[in-house]
Amino acid sequence: MRYFCGFITERIFTMTDYKRHLVTAALPYANGPVHIGHLAGCYVPADIYVRYLRAKKQDVKFVCGSDEHGVPITIRAMREGITPQQVVDKYHAIIRDSFAQMGISFDIYSRTSDKIHHETASAFFKKMYDEGLFEEKESEQYYDEKTNTFLADRYITGTCPVCSNPNAYGDQCERCGTSLSPEQLINPRSALSDAVPVKKTTKHWYFPLQQYEPWLKEWALEGHKEWKNNVYGQVKSWLDSGLHPRAMTRDSNWGVKVPLPDAEGKVLYVWFDAPIGYISATKQLTDHWADYWCKEDTKLVHFIGKDNIVFHCVIFPSMLKAHGGFVLPDNVPANEFLNLEGEKISTSRNWAVWVDEYLKDFPGCEDVLRYVLCANAPETKDNDFTWKDFQDRNNSELVAIFGNFVNRTFVLMHKLCGGKVPKLHEAQLDNTDRAIIADIEAAKGKVQSALDNYRFRDGLFEVIDLARKGNKYMQEKQPWIVAKSLAENPAAQQSIDNSLHLCLQLTANLAVLVNPFLPNTAQKLLQMMKVVDKMLDWDNAGKVKLLSVGYSLREPQLLFRKIEDSEIAAQVEKLKASLFKPATDPATTDASTTEAAKPADSTETVLPAEAKAEIQYDDFARLDLKVATIVAAEKVAKADKLLKLEVDLGYEKRTIVSGIALHFAPENIIGRQVVIVANLAPRKMRGIESNGMILMATQPDGSLQFVNPDETSANGAMVS
């Protein structure tokens, strides 16, 4: 039975208005294992936030699942001679188990190949279709007659017209970084069969995204100025550039079938059905799913990487708005990218630390990786993971600060207080004691403020800083030294009692505060203190009477082990040795193999292109770069990506065919000054001779911007 939420009104809520929380983490693409870039970008911060909400006794559901549709999966299945279902079954299990071992505490980890998801996504599309919200269009797309497959741009290869790379893709040349369209390739071939692709007419249903621009500007730009700068800026950039209709169906037999009688061989576009996976997963989790998706006092938070911002802040909200009746995201705290040893993580080059392999190489060190990825989180800019930093943070912070404080506290408590929580002699408290009490009480507010505002790195710092203050306090009090004077001064026991009592109370607070970040460590602390999970309730943070006087505690156990140089050297060598030896099929694992970034928060899709080979000055001098003004622009017939431009060079006008139609409306770029390569050999595209190339800059979100002078320049002016 189909069920949809009723219409709800939109209003602004305060934190106290929300009765429940729905937290989603981007659906990883079931075409390969997850790596540390995925964890840092999305899953660790999401889990920290959810564990924090649970500790506060909030009503929260944490949903995720494998995204199991899309062209790369069908290509992999075709090449390996297996079914797409076999492909996703394999990687769904690997990803699910990796998350579970890393303590990512989903309430449900679902799959988009499940029946409930197909039903939910189909019904969502059909409602929008019945209400006339799609535009039906015919267009010509490249087709491989040998494999009977419509080809995504990534599956068309040929020679780059800019740098002559013979292995350029139909969407980008990875040697020179130029954004391309298949029409621009010289001698295009199918990446599946090496056949020459042909154009074939096909029909699809488009979502008129441009109609939602006014609403998006009001809802996102005016209503969510509190969003992180990278999120808000990217949304603004997309809206300022203007939105265009987007096809919501594809030609394929793998995916959610388009629920229309004249749509044989067509499925829903993966970026239409994937975010609906959040809804279907919630439906699978609870019969009360509508409370979390349809009641206005629900706070919806999407955790993603920056390559998925446009889909979660522009496209999916527009879909929800068009459909009607669903809550909209309150926040989308997207992280930047995590690089590896100074280079971007690359699945195709196998330059990655795979989570399933880490778990085998460092058993029992799940919290260490969580700690390093949070402490070095790319919250405001791209950050770099190095094995040396991993070792240093473990040895000098977890072992030497956090673990050392707890171990010293328990060892001294057993040695000097009979293994029991000593009494606090309040009349004997000195300024040093009062200062550490104040530190304990203040820590809760500092960590809470950070987590409420999605600053997880800052929150973790405050936890470690409290342990650091505990070490300093113990070093100042020196109970082991005071104990030497007990024979002459029995009253000194009160000083020992006070210092170890407060150190134990600080330890209990560390368990509460660290639990969202390092859950296994928190459990070890509970076991040592012989207390139950109730201790980890957030209300207990900041209290200095958590452990009862006279309560006996267990012997200490080491919370963290030292990581040796030899282990790090082995990981670095393993990383270098595996370079260019893909763990999975490179043609089907990079996020760039799809038309847009997948919900796997891949680090491949929109990062800068690989550095080009070094050139000499004379090589650069051969380029004739000139300023020109676009004086006319129109779409090229039967070519979705091409615009025919007329540019004025001052001394002449030229025609240039450019693959920017998906990024710019023709009427919006007339009068724009640009920089062109004026001495590029002429080339015919779609029967039109193109005389030059316009320089463009690819932004982190995948959008294009013109490279143009800061100030108006004379047409024909040379760029040097």
Foldseek 3Di string as FASTA:
>chain_A
DDDFFDFDDDDDDDPVLFQEAEEEEFAAELQDFFFLFLCLFFQLLSLLLVVQCVLQVGHYAYEYEHLQDDDLLCLQCVVVVHHSVVSSVVSRVRHVVLCVQLVRDHLDYYYCVDPLLLVLLQVLLVLLVVVVQWDKDKFKFWADPVVRDGDDQQQKAAAALPPRDGGQTQQAGLFVGDGHHVLRGDQIAGNRPRHRIDIDMDMFIWGALQVCLVVLCCCQVVVPPLADPLLNVVQVVQSVLTAGIDTQKDQAPTENQNPDPPRPRMHTDSLSSRVCSSQSRLVVSDVVSCCQWADQSYAYEYRFASLCSCSLSRVVQVSDVSSRRTYHHPYYQGFYGEDEPPHRQALQQLLGGGSSVVCVLDPPCSLLSLLLSLLQRRRPHYGYDYLVSSQCCQVVQVQVQVLVLVQVLQVCCCVLVVQFQADQPVVPDDPLLVVLLVLQLVLLVQLVVCSVSSNRNSNVVSLSVNSNSLVVSCVVLVLVVLVVCCVVPVVSSNSVNNSSLQSVLSLLLSLLSCCSRRVVLSVLSCQQAVHDPSSNNSVNGSDSCSGDGGRGGHNDDRSGDRDDPVSSVVVVVVSVVCGSVRPGDSCSPALCNGPGRHSSSGSRNQDRRDDHDDDDPVVVVVWWKWKWFWAFWDADPSRQQWIWTWIGQPVDIFIAIARHNNRHDGVVRHGPIAIWRQCSDWDDGPNDIHGIGTDWDQDSNRHIDGDGDPDDDHRNDTDD
